[in-house]
Amino acid sequence: MSSDACPGPLGGAAPRSSSGAHGTTTRWLDADEQRAWRAAMYSWMLLEDRLDRELTRETGISHAYYEILVQLSETEGRSLRMSELADRCLSSRSRLSHAVSRLEERGWVRRQVCAEDGRGQLAVLTDAGFAALEAAAPVHVESVRTHLFDQLSPAQVAALRDIGETLLHHLTDPG
């Protein structure tokens, strides 16, 4: 996988600064930043892949489907507008619609017209979907514990939380 963080190979020298296509100065990552960036990016990708493979193998539920079920289970009435569910799952509306169709086929989710305005559609978690989520949750939690928290010291967990909250604040701040 390539990265636009630095034009040189990992550990290679990058220019201190250069002008970009729009006349802006590129602030290249130094060697320590490059190692931190790649370690964070690749480890998170590997963790997501491992969680997905284990959850799918043990329960038949992909991590993406699991996240949809979780989001629905944590709301009043176990339902959300499809557009809000897509936003919460960081998914396009079309991808979410396809996933909800697959979950409908399993009897875990149903769609209904939004009673408030009659325009929007709601995704509603069924009792069978909630039961599937309850059965899958211990597998997911054990996988997260084994591959993330068991690998970190309490200080690292605190640092991870602090970093995550800082980035969440920055990335979700509308300003």
C-alpha atoms as a PDB file:
ATOM      1  CA  MET A   1       0.000   0.000   0.000  1.00  0.00           C
ATOM      2  CA  SER A   2       1.355   3.397  -0.844  1.00  0.00           C
ATOM      3  CA  SER A   3       1.066   6.546   1.156  1.00  0.00           C
ATOM      4  CA  ASP A   4       1.081  10.151   0.064  1.00  0.00           C
ATOM      5  CA  ALA A   5       2.623  11.151   3.376  1.00  0.00           C
ATOM      6  CA  CYS A   6       6.151  10.907   2.003  1.00  0.00           C
ATOM      7  CA  PRO A   7       7.279  10.389  -1.593  1.00  0.00           C
ATOM      8  CA  GLY A   8      10.327   8.315  -0.609  1.00  0.00           C
ATOM      9  CA  PRO A   9      10.449   4.713   0.630  1.00  0.00           C
ATOM     10  CA  LEU A  10       9.856   3.975   4.296  1.00  0.00           C
ATOM     11  CA  GLY A  11      12.734   5.528   6.160  1.00  0.00           C
ATOM     12  CA  GLY A  12      13.846   7.371   3.016  1.00  0.00           C
ATOM     13  CA  ALA A  13      14.598  11.039   2.971  1.00  0.00           C
ATOM     14  CA  ALA A  14      11.861  13.400   1.886  1.00  0.00           C
ATOM     15  CA  PRO A  15      12.276  17.042   0.959  1.00  0.00           C
ATOM     16  CA  ARG A  16      11.855  19.372   3.940  1.00  0.00           C
ATOM     17  CA  SER A  17       9.259  21.346   2.016  1.00  0.00           C
ATOM     18  CA  SER A  18       8.198  21.840  -1.558  1.00  0.00           C
ATOM     19  CA  SER A  19       5.529  23.695  -3.445  1.00  0.00           C
ATOM     20  CA  GLY A  20       2.441  21.725  -4.330  1.00  0.00           C
ATOM     21  CA  ALA A  21       0.297  22.022  -7.439  1.00  0.00           C
ATOM     22  CA  HIS A  22      -1.661  24.953  -5.988  1.00  0.00           C
ATOM     23  CA  GLY A  23       1.343  26.881  -4.699  1.00  0.00           C
ATOM     24  CA  THR A  24       1.003  25.583  -1.140  1.00  0.00           C
ATOM     25  CA  THR A  25       3.934  24.261   0.816  1.00  0.00           C
ATOM     26  CA  THR A  26       3.912  20.536   1.569  1.00  0.00           C
ATOM     27  CA  ARG A  27       4.827  19.761   5.160  1.00  0.00           C
ATOM     28  CA  TRP A  28       6.421  16.320   4.718  1.00  0.00           C
ATOM     29  CA  LEU A  29       6.465  13.875   7.610  1.00  0.00           C
ATOM     30  CA  ASP A  30       9.792  13.358   9.319  1.00  0.00           C
ATOM     31  CA  ALA A  31      11.094   9.824   9.933  1.00  0.00           C
ATOM     32  CA  ASP A  32       9.473   9.502  13.398  1.00  0.00           C
ATOM     33  CA  GLU A  33       6.118  10.799  12.130  1.00  0.00           C
ATOM     34  CA  GLN A  34       6.317   8.467   9.128  1.00  0.00           C
ATOM     35  CA  ARG A  35       6.930   5.435  11.372  1.00  0.00           C
ATOM     36  CA  ALA A  36       4.092   6.490  13.713  1.00  0.00           C
ATOM     37  CA  TRP A  37       1.691   7.088  10.818  1.00  0.00           C
ATOM     38  CA  ARG A  38       2.396   3.774   9.127  1.00  0.00           C
ATOM     39  CA  ALA A  39       2.388   1.805  12.369  1.00  0.00           C
ATOM     40  CA  ALA A  40      -0.988   3.294  13.320  1.00  0.00           C
ATOM     41  CA  MET A  41      -2.492   2.887   9.848  1.00  0.00           C
ATOM     42  CA  TYR A  42      -1.286  -0.654   9.173  1.00  0.00           C
ATOM     43  CA  SER A  43      -2.000  -1.936  12.684  1.00  0.00           C
ATOM     44  CA  TRP A  44      -5.552  -0.560  12.576  1.00  0.00           C
ATOM     45  CA  MET A  45      -6.126  -2.117   9.142  1.00  0.00           C
ATOM     46  CA  LEU A  46      -4.793  -5.473  10.361  1.00  0.00           C
ATOM     47  CA  LEU A  47      -6.911  -5.256  13.524  1.00  0.00           C
ATOM     48  CA  GLU A  48     -10.080  -4.504  11.541  1.00  0.00           C
ATOM     49  CA  ASP A  49      -9.312  -7.400   9.191  1.00  0.00           C
ATOM     50  CA  ARG A  50      -8.692  -9.802  12.096  1.00  0.00           C
ATOM     51  CA  LEU A  51     -11.881  -8.736  13.905  1.00  0.00           C
ATOM     52  CA  ASP A  52     -13.906  -9.170  10.712  1.00  0.00           C
ATOM     53  CA  ARG A  53     -12.454 -12.595   9.891  1.00  0.00           C
ATOM     54  CA  GLU A  54     -12.953 -13.961  13.417  1.00  0.00           C
ATOM     55  CA  LEU A  55     -16.481 -12.591  13.757  1.00  0.00           C
ATOM     56  CA  THR A  56     -17.496 -13.900  10.331  1.00  0.00           C
ATOM     57  CA  ARG A  57     -15.925 -17.321  10.940  1.00  0.00           C
ATOM     58  CA  GLU A  58     -17.505 -17.757  14.387  1.00  0.00           C
ATOM     59  CA  THR A  59     -20.922 -16.173  13.817  1.00  0.00           C
ATOM     60  CA  GLY A  60     -21.495 -15.716  10.082  1.00  0.00           C
ATOM     61  CA  ILE A  61     -21.876 -11.972  10.650  1.00  0.00           C
ATOM     62  CA  SER A  62     -19.406  -9.584   9.032  1.00  0.00           C
ATOM     63  CA  HIS A  63     -18.065  -6.713  11.082  1.00  0.00           C
ATOM     64  CA  ALA A  64     -19.993  -4.251   8.857  1.00  0.00           C
ATOM     65  CA  TYR A  65     -23.288  -6.071   9.506  1.00  0.00           C
ATOM     66  CA  TYR A  66     -22.458  -6.350  13.202  1.00  0.00           C
ATOM     67  CA  GLU A  67     -21.975  -2.556  13.359  1.00  0.00           C
ATOM     68  CA  ILE A  68     -25.404  -1.993  11.781  1.00  0.00           C
ATOM     69  CA  LEU A  69     -27.023  -4.280  14.356  1.00  0.00           C
ATOM     70  CA  VAL A  70     -25.148  -2.528  17.193  1.00  0.00           C
ATOM     71  CA  GLN A  71     -26.202   0.931  16.025  1.00  0.00           C
ATOM     72  CA  LEU A  72     -29.843  -0.135  15.842  1.00  0.00           C
ATOM     73  CA  SER A  73     -29.715  -1.908  19.212  1.00  0.00           C
ATOM     74  CA  GLU A  74     -28.490   1.237  20.961  1.00  0.00           C
ATOM     75  CA  THR A  75     -31.359   3.485  19.867  1.00  0.00           C
ATOM     76  CA  GLU A  76     -34.833   4.132  21.223  1.00  0.00           C
ATOM     77  CA  GLY A  77     -37.180   1.628  19.619  1.00  0.00           C
ATOM     78  CA  ARG A  78     -34.191  -0.119  17.995  1.00  0.00           C
ATOM     79  CA  SER A  79     -34.744   1.921  14.811  1.00  0.00           C
ATOM     80  CA  LEU A  80     -33.041   4.666  12.836  1.00  0.00           C
ATOM     81  CA  ARG A  81     -33.637   6.545   9.617  1.00  0.00           C
ATOM     82  CA  MET A  82     -31.629   4.884   6.879  1.00  0.00           C
ATOM     83  CA  SER A  83     -29.703   8.117   6.241  1.00  0.00           C
ATOM     84  CA  GLU A  84     -28.724   8.455   9.913  1.00  0.00           C
ATOM     85  CA  LEU A  85     -27.747   4.797  10.088  1.00  0.00           C
ATOM     86  CA  ALA A  86     -25.507   5.277   7.044  1.00  0.00           C
ATOM     87  CA  ASP A  87     -23.867   8.271   8.725  1.00  0.00           C
ATOM     88  CA  ARG A  88     -23.330   6.395  11.991  1.00  0.00           C
ATOM     89  CA  CYS A  89     -21.793   3.432  10.135  1.00  0.00           C
ATOM     90  CA  LEU A  90     -19.625   5.715   7.957  1.00  0.00           C
ATOM     91  CA  SER A  91     -21.228   4.134   4.912  1.00  0.00           C
ATOM     92  CA  SER A  92     -22.691   5.428   1.683  1.00  0.00           C
ATOM     93  CA  ARG A  93     -26.474   5.292   1.529  1.00  0.00           C
ATOM     94  CA  SER A  94     -26.389   2.806  -1.353  1.00  0.00           C
ATOM     95  CA  ARG A  95     -23.937   0.482   0.432  1.00  0.00           C
ATOM     96  CA  LEU A  96     -26.020   0.645   3.597  1.00  0.00           C
ATOM     97  CA  SER A  97     -29.219  -0.054   1.665  1.00  0.00           C
ATOM     98  CA  HIS A  98     -27.612  -3.152   0.159  1.00  0.00           C
ATOM     99  CA  ALA A  99     -26.441  -4.336   3.598  1.00  0.00           C
ATOM    100  CA  VAL A 100     -29.888  -3.751   5.122  1.00  0.00           C
ATOM    101  CA  SER A 101     -31.399  -5.804   2.273  1.00  0.00           C
ATOM    102  CA  ARG A 102     -29.093  -8.704   3.214  1.00  0.00           C
ATOM    103  CA  LEU A 103     -30.058  -8.324   6.875  1.00  0.00           C
ATOM    104  CA  GLU A 104     -33.745  -8.261   5.890  1.00  0.00           C
ATOM    105  CA  GLU A 105     -33.247 -11.586   4.085  1.00  0.00           C
ATOM    106  CA  ARG A 106     -32.012 -13.050   7.377  1.00  0.00           C
ATOM    107  CA  GLY A 107     -35.004 -11.609   9.223  1.00  0.00           C
ATOM    108  CA  TRP A 108     -32.784  -9.452  11.424  1.00  0.00           C
ATOM    109  CA  VAL A 109     -33.870  -6.031  10.172  1.00  0.00           C
ATOM    110  CA  ARG A 110     -37.033  -4.712   8.580  1.00  0.00           C
ATOM    111  CA  ARG A 111     -37.742  -1.437   6.845  1.00  0.00           C
ATOM    112  CA  GLN A 112     -40.729   0.730   7.532  1.00  0.00           C
ATOM    113  CA  VAL A 113     -41.891   4.148   6.429  1.00  0.00           C
ATOM    114  CA  CYS A 114     -41.096   6.895   8.901  1.00  0.00           C
ATOM    115  CA  ALA A 115     -44.369   7.767  10.640  1.00  0.00           C
ATOM    116  CA  GLU A 116     -43.203  11.328  11.393  1.00  0.00           C
ATOM    117  CA  ASP A 117     -43.123  12.525   7.799  1.00  0.00           C
ATOM    118  CA  GLY A 118     -43.982   9.548   5.589  1.00  0.00           C
ATOM    119  CA  ARG A 119     -40.941  10.223   3.392  1.00  0.00           C
ATOM    120  CA  GLY A 120     -37.993   8.588   5.058  1.00  0.00           C
ATOM    121  CA  GLN A 121     -37.413   4.918   5.680  1.00  0.00           C
ATOM    122  CA  LEU A 122     -36.473   3.420   9.004  1.00  0.00           C
ATOM    123  CA  ALA A 123     -34.328   0.364   9.578  1.00  0.00           C
ATOM    124  CA  VAL A 124     -35.754  -1.552  12.529  1.00  0.00           C
ATOM    125  CA  LEU A 125     -33.911  -4.270  14.429  1.00  0.00           C
ATOM    126  CA  THR A 126     -36.129  -7.333  14.836  1.00  0.00           C
ATOM    127  CA  ASP A 127     -36.146  -9.626  17.860  1.00  0.00           C
ATOM    128  CA  ALA A 128     -34.311 -12.233  15.747  1.00  0.00           C
ATOM    129  CA  GLY A 129     -31.697  -9.605  14.844  1.00  0.00           C
ATOM    130  CA  PHE A 130     -31.267  -8.651  18.479  1.00  0.00           C
ATOM    131  CA  ALA A 131     -30.831 -12.332  19.374  1.00  0.00           C
ATOM    132  CA  ALA A 132     -28.197 -12.715  16.616  1.00  0.00           C
ATOM    133  CA  LEU A 133     -26.391  -9.654  17.983  1.00  0.00           C
ATOM    134  CA  GLU A 134     -26.511 -11.011  21.538  1.00  0.00           C
ATOM    135  CA  ALA A 135     -25.017 -14.294  20.319  1.00  0.00           C
ATOM    136  CA  ALA A 136     -22.254 -12.552  18.353  1.00  0.00           C
ATOM    137  CA  ALA A 137     -21.302  -9.954  20.980  1.00  0.00           C
ATOM    138  CA  PRO A 138     -19.182 -12.266  23.180  1.00  0.00           C
ATOM    139  CA  VAL A 139     -17.152 -13.339  20.130  1.00  0.00           C
ATOM    140  CA  HIS A 140     -16.591  -9.712  19.110  1.00  0.00           C
ATOM    141  CA  VAL A 141     -15.683  -8.554  22.619  1.00  0.00           C
ATOM    142  CA  GLU A 142     -13.242 -11.430  23.148  1.00  0.00           C
ATOM    143  CA  SER A 143     -11.577 -10.660  19.828  1.00  0.00           C
ATOM    144  CA  VAL A 144     -11.236  -6.962  20.694  1.00  0.00           C
ATOM    145  CA  ARG A 145      -9.864  -7.855  24.127  1.00  0.00           C
ATOM    146  CA  THR A 146      -7.373 -10.415  22.747  1.00  0.00           C
ATOM    147  CA  HIS A 147      -6.073  -8.390  19.822  1.00  0.00           C
ATOM    148  CA  LEU A 148      -6.169  -4.893  21.298  1.00  0.00           C
ATOM    149  CA  PHE A 149      -6.502  -4.477  25.047  1.00  0.00           C
ATOM    150  CA  ASP A 150      -4.478  -7.540  26.103  1.00  0.00           C
ATOM    151  CA  GLN A 151      -1.599  -6.147  24.045  1.00  0.00           C
ATOM    152  CA  LEU A 152      -1.545  -2.756  25.787  1.00  0.00           C
ATOM    153  CA  SER A 153      -0.536  -1.535  29.214  1.00  0.00           C
ATOM    154  CA  PRO A 154      -3.001   0.601  31.196  1.00  0.00           C
ATOM    155  CA  ALA A 155      -0.961   3.684  30.255  1.00  0.00           C
ATOM    156  CA  GLN A 156      -1.172   2.753  26.570  1.00  0.00           C
ATOM    157  CA  VAL A 157      -4.948   2.277  26.850  1.00  0.00           C
ATOM    158  CA  ALA A 158      -5.222   5.752  28.391  1.00  0.00           C
ATOM    159  CA  ALA A 159      -3.026   7.188  25.609  1.00  0.00           C
ATOM    160  CA  LEU A 160      -5.073   5.390  22.951  1.00  0.00           C
ATOM    161  CA  ARG A 161      -8.286   6.822  24.422  1.00  0.00           C
ATOM    162  CA  ASP A 162      -6.772  10.315  24.550  1.00  0.00           C
ATOM    163  CA  ILE A 163      -5.537  10.105  20.951  1.00  0.00           C
ATOM    164  CA  GLY A 164      -8.851   8.700  19.752  1.00  0.00           C
ATOM    165  CA  GLU A 165     -10.888  11.373  21.527  1.00  0.00           C
ATOM    166  CA  THR A 166      -8.607  14.130  20.186  1.00  0.00           C
ATOM    167  CA  LEU A 167      -8.967  12.878  16.619  1.00  0.00           C
ATOM    168  CA  LEU A 168     -12.719  12.341  16.990  1.00  0.00           C
ATOM    169  CA  HIS A 169     -13.119  15.908  18.215  1.00  0.00           C
ATOM    170  CA  HIS A 170     -11.087  17.234  15.275  1.00  0.00           C
ATOM    171  CA  LEU A 171     -12.687  15.038  12.609  1.00  0.00           C
ATOM    172  CA  THR A 172     -16.291  15.464  13.764  1.00  0.00           C
ATOM    173  CA  ASP A 173     -16.088  19.194  14.519  1.00  0.00           C
ATOM    174  CA  PRO A 174     -18.221  20.929  11.864  1.00  0.00           C
ATOM    175  CA  GLY A 175     -16.004  24.039  12.075  1.00  0.00           C
END
